[in-house]
C-alpha atoms as a PDB file:
ATOM      1  CA  MET A   1     -22.070  33.607  76.046  1.00  0.00           C
ATOM      2  CA  LEU A   2     -19.724  35.996  74.121  1.00  0.00           C
ATOM      3  CA  ALA A   3     -20.113  37.332  70.576  1.00  0.00           C
ATOM      4  CA  VAL A   4     -17.526  39.425  68.900  1.00  0.00           C
ATOM      5  CA  HIS A   5     -18.370  40.900  65.597  1.00  0.00           C
ATOM      6  CA  GLN A   6     -16.005  42.686  63.185  1.00  0.00           C
ATOM      7  CA  LEU A   7     -13.855  44.186  65.951  1.00  0.00           C
ATOM      8  CA  VAL A   8     -11.287  46.758  64.795  1.00  0.00           C
ATOM      9  CA  LYS A   9      -8.538  48.513  66.854  1.00  0.00           C
ATOM     10  CA  ARG A  10      -6.174  51.051  65.407  1.00  0.00           C
ATOM     11  CA  PHE A  11      -3.186  52.738  67.325  1.00  0.00           C
ATOM     12  CA  HIS A  12      -1.265  55.832  66.093  1.00  0.00           C
ATOM     13  CA  THR A  13       2.492  56.183  66.216  1.00  0.00           C
ATOM     14  CA  ALA A  14       4.319  59.414  67.119  1.00  0.00           C
ATOM     15  CA  SER A  15       4.400  60.226  63.368  1.00  0.00           C
ATOM     16  CA  ARG A  16       0.696  59.740  63.168  1.00  0.00           C
ATOM     17  CA  GLU A  17       0.927  56.565  61.207  1.00  0.00           C
ATOM     18  CA  SER A  18      -2.004  54.330  61.869  1.00  0.00           C
ATOM     19  CA  ILE A  19      -1.402  50.710  62.911  1.00  0.00           C
ATOM     20  CA  VAL A  20      -4.233  48.169  62.699  1.00  0.00           C
ATOM     21  CA  ALA A  21      -3.748  45.956  65.898  1.00  0.00           C
ATOM     22  CA  VAL A  22      -7.133  44.085  65.432  1.00  0.00           C
ATOM     23  CA  ASP A  23      -8.597  43.776  61.874  1.00  0.00           C
ATOM     24  CA  HIS A  24     -12.327  42.927  61.684  1.00  0.00           C
ATOM     25  CA  LEU A  25     -12.258  40.013  64.202  1.00  0.00           C
ATOM     26  CA  SER A  26     -15.379  38.014  64.732  1.00  0.00           C
ATOM     27  CA  LEU A  27     -15.776  34.969  67.131  1.00  0.00           C
ATOM     28  CA  GLU A  28     -18.317  33.338  69.389  1.00  0.00           C
ATOM     29  CA  VAL A  29     -17.668  31.360  72.612  1.00  0.00           C
ATOM     30  CA  ALA A  30     -20.323  29.219  74.302  1.00  0.00           C
ATOM     31  CA  PRO A  31     -20.899  28.628  78.087  1.00  0.00           C
ATOM     32  CA  GLY A  32     -18.602  26.079  79.612  1.00  0.00           C
ATOM     33  CA  GLU A  33     -16.237  26.359  76.690  1.00  0.00           C
ATOM     34  CA  VAL A  34     -12.329  26.925  76.824  1.00  0.00           C
ATOM     35  CA  TYR A  35     -11.440  28.876  73.708  1.00  0.00           C
ATOM     36  CA  GLY A  36      -7.838  29.480  72.894  1.00  0.00           C
ATOM     37  CA  LEU A  37      -6.886  32.676  71.156  1.00  0.00           C
ATOM     38  CA  LEU A  38      -3.605  31.764  69.635  1.00  0.00           C
ATOM     39  CA  GLY A  39      -0.940  33.779  67.741  1.00  0.00           C
ATOM     40  CA  PRO A  40       2.623  35.077  67.966  1.00  0.00           C
ATOM     41  CA  ASN A  41       3.621  38.108  70.012  1.00  0.00           C
ATOM     42  CA  GLY A  42       2.057  41.209  68.443  1.00  0.00           C
ATOM     43  CA  ALA A  43      -0.739  39.316  66.693  1.00  0.00           C
ATOM     44  CA  GLY A  44      -3.426  41.313  68.578  1.00  0.00           C
ATOM     45  CA  LYS A  45      -4.442  38.730  71.302  1.00  0.00           C
ATOM     46  CA  SER A  46      -3.944  41.005  74.225  1.00  0.00           C
ATOM     47  CA  THR A  47      -5.525  43.968  72.576  1.00  0.00           C
ATOM     48  CA  THR A  48      -8.532  41.825  71.729  1.00  0.00           C
ATOM     49  CA  LEU A  49      -8.866  40.719  75.383  1.00  0.00           C
ATOM     50  CA  ARG A  50      -8.437  44.215  76.700  1.00  0.00           C
ATOM     51  CA  MET A  51     -11.220  45.414  74.406  1.00  0.00           C
ATOM     52  CA  ILE A  52     -13.663  42.617  75.715  1.00  0.00           C
ATOM     53  CA  ALA A  53     -12.563  43.511  79.241  1.00  0.00           C
ATOM     54  CA  THR A  54     -13.680  47.211  78.703  1.00  0.00           C
ATOM     55  CA  LEU A  55     -10.045  48.546  79.277  1.00  0.00           C
ATOM     56  CA  ILE A  56      -9.703  50.016  75.828  1.00  0.00           C
ATOM     57  CA  ASP A  57     -12.510  50.917  73.316  1.00  0.00           C
ATOM     58  CA  PRO A  58     -12.861  49.436  69.763  1.00  0.00           C
ATOM     59  CA  ASP A  59     -12.852  51.731  66.889  1.00  0.00           C
ATOM     60  CA  GLU A  60     -15.325  49.425  65.102  1.00  0.00           C
ATOM     61  CA  GLY A  61     -17.575  46.442  65.751  1.00  0.00           C
ATOM     62  CA  SER A  62     -19.502  45.053  68.584  1.00  0.00           C
ATOM     63  CA  ILE A  63     -19.138  42.833  71.613  1.00  0.00           C
ATOM     64  CA  VAL A  64     -21.991  41.236  73.469  1.00  0.00           C
ATOM     65  CA  LEU A  65     -21.257  39.312  76.726  1.00  0.00           C
ATOM     66  CA  ASP A  66     -23.903  37.268  78.354  1.00  0.00           C
ATOM     67  CA  GLY A  67     -26.565  39.270  76.478  1.00  0.00           C
ATOM     68  CA  VAL A  68     -25.097  42.659  77.410  1.00  0.00           C
ATOM     69  CA  ASP A  69     -23.777  45.093  74.939  1.00  0.00           C
ATOM     70  CA  ARG A  70     -20.174  46.039  76.032  1.00  0.00           C
ATOM     71  CA  ILE A  71     -20.199  49.441  74.217  1.00  0.00           C
ATOM     72  CA  ALA A  72     -23.585  50.535  75.673  1.00  0.00           C
ATOM     73  CA  HIS A  73     -23.144  48.996  79.143  1.00  0.00           C
ATOM     74  CA  PRO A  74     -19.500  48.519  80.060  1.00  0.00           C
ATOM     75  CA  LEU A  75     -20.239  48.462  83.933  1.00  0.00           C
ATOM     76  CA  ARG A  76     -22.766  45.649  83.457  1.00  0.00           C
ATOM     77  CA  VAL A  77     -20.059  43.763  81.434  1.00  0.00           C
ATOM     78  CA  ARG A  78     -17.584  44.125  84.076  1.00  0.00           C
ATOM     79  CA  GLU A  79     -19.969  42.518  86.623  1.00  0.00           C
ATOM     80  CA  ARG A  80     -20.091  39.451  84.473  1.00  0.00           C
ATOM     81  CA  MET A  81     -16.568  38.989  83.551  1.00  0.00           C
ATOM     82  CA  ALA A  82     -12.941  38.858  84.968  1.00  0.00           C
ATOM     83  CA  TYR A  83      -9.762  39.664  83.226  1.00  0.00           C
ATOM     84  CA  VAL A  84      -6.339  38.217  84.244  1.00  0.00           C
ATOM     85  CA  PRO A  85      -3.459  39.956  82.507  1.00  0.00           C
ATOM     86  CA  ALA A  86       0.024  38.308  82.203  1.00  0.00           C
ATOM     87  CA  GLU A  87       1.290  40.559  84.946  1.00  0.00           C
ATOM     88  CA  ALA A  88       0.149  39.780  88.464  1.00  0.00           C
ATOM     89  CA  GLY A  89      -0.269  43.372  89.523  1.00  0.00           C
ATOM     90  CA  LEU A  90      -0.445  42.564  93.213  1.00  0.00           C
ATOM     91  CA  PRO A  91       0.428  45.212  95.954  1.00  0.00           C
ATOM     92  CA  GLU A  92       3.624  43.948  97.438  1.00  0.00           C
ATOM     93  CA  ARG A  93       2.859  44.983 101.120  1.00  0.00           C
ATOM     94  CA  LEU A  94      -0.638  43.353 101.158  1.00  0.00           C
ATOM     95  CA  SER A  95      -1.129  39.747 101.775  1.00  0.00           C
ATOM     96  CA  GLY A  96      -2.923  37.563  99.272  1.00  0.00           C
ATOM     97  CA  ARG A  97      -5.902  37.182 101.719  1.00  0.00           C
ATOM     98  CA  GLU A  98      -6.142  41.023 102.162  1.00  0.00           C
ATOM     99  CA  VAL A  99      -6.069  41.449  98.282  1.00  0.00           C
ATOM    100  CA  VAL A 100      -8.791  39.096  97.717  1.00  0.00           C
ATOM    101  CA  ARG A 101     -10.896  40.437 100.484  1.00  0.00           C
ATOM    102  CA  LEU A 102     -10.418  43.908  99.209  1.00  0.00           C
ATOM    103  CA  PHE A 103     -11.741  43.071  95.819  1.00  0.00           C
ATOM    104  CA  ALA A 104     -14.553  41.075  97.224  1.00  0.00           C
ATOM    105  CA  ALA A 105     -15.569  44.120  99.190  1.00  0.00           C
ATOM    106  CA  ILE A 106     -15.160  46.401  96.117  1.00  0.00           C
ATOM    107  CA  GLN A 107     -17.377  44.071  94.121  1.00  0.00           C
ATOM    108  CA  GLY A 108     -20.019  44.177  96.865  1.00  0.00           C
ATOM    109  CA  VAL A 109     -19.714  40.187  97.430  1.00  0.00           C
ATOM    110  CA  PRO A 110     -21.850  38.962 100.280  1.00  0.00           C
ATOM    111  CA  ASN A 111     -19.811  37.372 103.124  1.00  0.00           C
ATOM    112  CA  ALA A 112     -16.708  38.763 101.344  1.00  0.00           C
ATOM    113  CA  ALA A 113     -14.232  37.351 103.937  1.00  0.00           C
ATOM    114  CA  ARG A 114     -15.639  33.819 103.783  1.00  0.00           C
ATOM    115  CA  ARG A 115     -15.846  33.776 100.049  1.00  0.00           C
ATOM    116  CA  SER A 116     -12.288  34.909  99.735  1.00  0.00           C
ATOM    117  CA  ASP A 117     -10.991  32.264 102.143  1.00  0.00           C
ATOM    118  CA  GLU A 118     -12.973  29.723 100.299  1.00  0.00           C
ATOM    119  CA  LEU A 119     -11.398  30.686  96.927  1.00  0.00           C
ATOM    120  CA  LEU A 120      -7.876  30.925  98.231  1.00  0.00           C
ATOM    121  CA  ASP A 121      -8.338  27.314  99.529  1.00  0.00           C
ATOM    122  CA  ILE A 122      -9.728  26.122  96.147  1.00  0.00           C
ATOM    123  CA  MET A 123      -6.788  27.862  94.343  1.00  0.00           C
ATOM    124  CA  GLY A 124      -4.334  26.041  96.642  1.00  0.00           C
ATOM    125  CA  ALA A 125      -3.351  29.371  98.043  1.00  0.00           C
ATOM    126  CA  ALA A 126      -4.400  28.952 101.750  1.00  0.00           C
ATOM    127  CA  SER A 127      -0.973  27.923 103.096  1.00  0.00           C
ATOM    128  CA  PHE A 128       0.652  31.348 101.980  1.00  0.00           C
ATOM    129  CA  ALA A 129      -2.442  33.525 101.957  1.00  0.00           C
ATOM    130  CA  ASP A 130      -1.203  35.647 104.798  1.00  0.00           C
ATOM    131  CA  LYS A 131       2.313  36.310 103.402  1.00  0.00           C
ATOM    132  CA  PRO A 132       3.040  39.723 101.777  1.00  0.00           C
ATOM    133  CA  CYS A 133       2.443  39.372  97.936  1.00  0.00           C
ATOM    134  CA  GLY A 134       6.025  40.691  97.413  1.00  0.00           C
ATOM    135  CA  ASP A 135       7.400  37.488  99.012  1.00  0.00           C
ATOM    136  CA  LEU A 136       5.454  35.171  96.809  1.00  0.00           C
ATOM    137  CA  SER A 137       6.807  33.214  93.864  1.00  0.00           C
ATOM    138  CA  THR A 138       5.357  33.570  90.414  1.00  0.00           C
ATOM    139  CA  GLY A 139       3.215  30.443  90.811  1.00  0.00           C
ATOM    140  CA  MET A 140       1.874  31.545  94.287  1.00  0.00           C
ATOM    141  CA  LYS A 141       0.968  34.916  92.739  1.00  0.00           C
ATOM    142  CA  ARG A 142      -0.898  33.369  89.886  1.00  0.00           C
ATOM    143  CA  ARG A 143      -2.999  31.360  92.316  1.00  0.00           C
ATOM    144  CA  VAL A 144      -3.776  34.664  94.290  1.00  0.00           C
ATOM    145  CA  VAL A 145      -4.613  36.494  91.051  1.00  0.00           C
ATOM    146  CA  LEU A 146      -7.024  33.780  90.019  1.00  0.00           C
ATOM    147  CA  ALA A 147      -8.837  33.777  93.400  1.00  0.00           C
ATOM    148  CA  ARG A 148      -9.104  37.675  93.098  1.00  0.00           C
ATOM    149  CA  ALA A 149     -10.491  37.251  89.532  1.00  0.00           C
ATOM    150  CA  LEU A 150     -13.196  34.720  90.595  1.00  0.00           C
ATOM    151  CA  VAL A 151     -14.309  36.425  93.802  1.00  0.00           C
ATOM    152  CA  HIS A 152     -17.445  37.954  92.298  1.00  0.00           C
ATOM    153  CA  ASP A 153     -18.406  34.630  90.355  1.00  0.00           C
ATOM    154  CA  PRO A 154     -17.981  35.932  86.817  1.00  0.00           C
ATOM    155  CA  ARG A 155     -19.700  34.218  83.880  1.00  0.00           C
ATOM    156  CA  VAL A 156     -16.663  34.915  81.589  1.00  0.00           C
ATOM    157  CA  LEU A 157     -13.020  34.561  82.442  1.00  0.00           C
ATOM    158  CA  LEU A 158     -10.303  36.218  80.186  1.00  0.00           C
ATOM    159  CA  LEU A 159      -6.838  34.773  80.781  1.00  0.00           C
ATOM    160  CA  ASP A 160      -3.914  36.509  78.985  1.00  0.00           C
ATOM    161  CA  GLU A 161      -0.843  34.125  78.996  1.00  0.00           C
ATOM    162  CA  PRO A 162      -1.887  32.668  82.312  1.00  0.00           C
ATOM    163  CA  THR A 163       1.047  30.328  82.614  1.00  0.00           C
ATOM    164  CA  ASP A 164       3.734  32.861  81.659  1.00  0.00           C
ATOM    165  CA  GLY A 165       6.722  32.614  83.928  1.00  0.00           C
ATOM    166  CA  LEU A 166       5.604  29.368  85.651  1.00  0.00           C
ATOM    167  CA  ASP A 167       7.537  26.168  85.894  1.00  0.00           C
ATOM    168  CA  VAL A 168       6.134  22.865  84.703  1.00  0.00           C
ATOM    169  CA  PRO A 169       4.237  22.033  87.883  1.00  0.00           C
ATOM    170  CA  GLY A 170       2.697  25.510  87.994  1.00  0.00           C
ATOM    171  CA  ARG A 171       1.747  25.349  84.428  1.00  0.00           C
ATOM    172  CA  ARG A 172       0.083  21.986  85.040  1.00  0.00           C
ATOM    173  CA  ASP A 173      -1.816  23.282  88.066  1.00  0.00           C
ATOM    174  CA  VAL A 174      -3.028  26.449  86.381  1.00  0.00           C
ATOM    175  CA  LEU A 175      -4.342  24.479  83.394  1.00  0.00           C
ATOM    176  CA  ALA A 176      -6.182  22.109  85.653  1.00  0.00           C
ATOM    177  CA  LEU A 177      -7.737  25.104  87.396  1.00  0.00           C
ATOM    178  CA  VAL A 178      -8.861  26.410  83.981  1.00  0.00           C
ATOM    179  CA  ARG A 179     -10.615  23.070  83.092  1.00  0.00           C
ATOM    180  CA  ASP A 180     -12.249  23.140  86.529  1.00  0.00           C
ATOM    181  CA  GLN A 181     -13.661  26.538  85.910  1.00  0.00           C
ATOM    182  CA  ALA A 182     -15.192  25.491  82.435  1.00  0.00           C
ATOM    183  CA  ALA A 183     -16.713  22.509  84.200  1.00  0.00           C
ATOM    184  CA  LEU A 184     -18.551  24.910  86.533  1.00  0.00           C
ATOM    185  CA  GLY A 185     -20.056  26.465  83.307  1.00  0.00           C
ATOM    186  CA  ARG A 186     -17.780  29.500  82.979  1.00  0.00           C
ATOM    187  CA  THR A 187     -16.765  30.641  79.507  1.00  0.00           C
ATOM    188  CA  VAL A 188     -13.025  30.841  79.325  1.00  0.00           C
ATOM    189  CA  ILE A 189     -10.858  32.669  76.703  1.00  0.00           C
ATOM    190  CA  LEU A 190      -7.239  31.747  76.948  1.00  0.00           C
ATOM    191  CA  SER A 191      -4.579  33.764  75.068  1.00  0.00           C
ATOM    192  CA  SER A 192      -1.386  31.778  74.464  1.00  0.00           C
ATOM    193  CA  HIS A 193       1.497  30.958  72.025  1.00  0.00           C
ATOM    194  CA  ILE A 194       2.461  27.828  73.698  1.00  0.00           C
ATOM    195  CA  MET A 195       0.973  25.032  71.721  1.00  0.00           C
ATOM    196  CA  GLY A 196       1.711  22.253  74.217  1.00  0.00           C
ATOM    197  CA  GLU A 197      -0.508  23.719  76.820  1.00  0.00           C
ATOM    198  CA  VAL A 198      -3.245  24.644  74.407  1.00  0.00           C
ATOM    199  CA  GLU A 199      -3.615  21.052  73.355  1.00  0.00           C
ATOM    200  CA  ARG A 200      -4.260  20.051  77.010  1.00  0.00           C
ATOM    201  CA  VAL A 201      -7.026  22.486  77.810  1.00  0.00           C
ATOM    202  CA  VAL A 202      -8.995  24.088  74.919  1.00  0.00           C
ATOM    203  CA  ASP A 203     -12.031  22.970  73.287  1.00  0.00           C
ATOM    204  CA  ARG A 204     -11.717  25.240  70.218  1.00  0.00           C
ATOM    205  CA  ALA A 205      -9.249  27.795  69.090  1.00  0.00           C
ATOM    206  CA  GLY A 206      -8.865  30.794  66.880  1.00  0.00           C
ATOM    207  CA  VAL A 207      -5.395  31.550  65.342  1.00  0.00           C
ATOM    208  CA  MET A 208      -4.551  35.297  64.901  1.00  0.00           C
ATOM    209  CA  ALA A 209      -1.880  36.740  62.690  1.00  0.00           C
ATOM    210  CA  THR A 210      -1.314  40.534  62.099  1.00  0.00           C
ATOM    211  CA  GLY A 211      -4.528  41.295  63.770  1.00  0.00           C
ATOM    212  CA  ARG A 212      -6.795  38.934  61.776  1.00  0.00           C
ATOM    213  CA  LEU A 213      -8.370  35.614  62.622  1.00  0.00           C
ATOM    214  CA  VAL A 214      -6.780  33.339  60.060  1.00  0.00           C
ATOM    215  CA  ALA A 215      -8.225  29.923  61.271  1.00  0.00           C
ATOM    216  CA  GLU A 216     -10.681  28.684  63.815  1.00  0.00           C
ATOM    217  CA  GLY A 217     -12.128  25.269  64.899  1.00  0.00           C
ATOM    218  CA  THR A 218     -11.250  22.330  66.952  1.00  0.00           C
ATOM    219  CA  LEU A 219      -7.530  21.620  67.110  1.00  0.00           C
ATOM    220  CA  ALA A 220      -8.141  18.549  64.831  1.00  0.00           C
ATOM    221  CA  GLN A 221      -9.851  20.845  62.259  1.00  0.00           C
ATOM    222  CA  ILE A 222      -6.997  23.361  62.377  1.00  0.00           C
ATOM    223  CA  MET A 223      -4.531  20.639  61.806  1.00  0.00           C
ATOM    224  CA  GLU A 224      -6.546  19.224  58.957  1.00  0.00           C
ATOM    225  CA  ARG A 225      -6.825  22.539  57.330  1.00  0.00           C
ATOM    226  CA  THR A 226      -3.054  22.788  57.057  1.00  0.00           C
ATOM    227  CA  GLY A 227      -2.230  19.175  56.366  1.00  0.00           C
ATOM    228  CA  SER A 228      -0.155  19.154  59.627  1.00  0.00           C
ATOM    229  CA  SER A 229       0.216  16.077  61.955  1.00  0.00           C
ATOM    230  CA  ASN A 230       0.814  18.350  65.039  1.00  0.00           C
ATOM    231  CA  LEU A 231      -0.427  21.726  66.333  1.00  0.00           C
ATOM    232  CA  ASP A 232       3.133  23.470  66.263  1.00  0.00           C
ATOM    233  CA  ASP A 233       3.398  22.820  62.504  1.00  0.00           C
ATOM    234  CA  ALA A 234      -0.202  24.026  61.784  1.00  0.00           C
ATOM    235  CA  PHE A 235       0.425  27.160  63.880  1.00  0.00           C
ATOM    236  CA  ILE A 236       3.538  27.976  62.007  1.00  0.00           C
ATOM    237  CA  ALA A 237       2.000  27.276  58.608  1.00  0.00           C
ATOM    238  CA  LEU A 238      -0.897  29.797  59.527  1.00  0.00           C
ATOM    239  CA  VAL A 239       0.883  32.550  61.012  1.00  0.00           C
ATOM    240  CA  GLU A 240       3.945  32.444  58.671  1.00  0.00           C
ATOM    241  CA  GLY A 241       2.018  31.645  55.441  1.00  0.00           C
ATOM    242  CA  PRO A 242       3.380  29.913  52.337  1.00  0.00           C
ATOM    243  CA  GLY A 243       7.278  29.793  51.987  1.00  0.00           C
END
């Protein structure tokens, strides 16, 4: 469903120094799979997701999503995927229902109002869907954002730190929703640095450090590679290196 090959992204500082944020990254994710993109802050996770989501262009490499070349046909890729950033980005004066219906209309979704209401109900947001988004808690906003992302029935779902700022029940509920989406056949890529939630939801993971993919596989394979008995120790060993 998603194939990324030798992806490179460089940024330039004010002094024209070149910084490599993503360094020849390659990965593949299957339909119905939850893939964890793991790494500390600054590892390149968000930059990778933003390139896949067509928000920024790679300097090198290729991305093919559902058989469509992301470089040649970015609009067709957008039709097939949804990107959920860490920030909610919801208009404070609009209600959750208005936001989701607006995005459904923009995407040309048939029966936009009914589809929006169904998703808000599925996401557990129906009881507060008519409140202004500015009055919602972080967890409530996350449910509205997920409904907004799914309104056009995307094949691939990109989630950047989806539980950031949530309390324990909120984290649990969002992770359950992620597994539900995979069960429907969607490909999910979840960026995170919280190993406890990763263990609950992902099928495979790739660990990033300084822009590179330093390990990939099932969680058991990643722990075996580092000789670690838990994912936290394996993560530290991979991102910090010897000593």
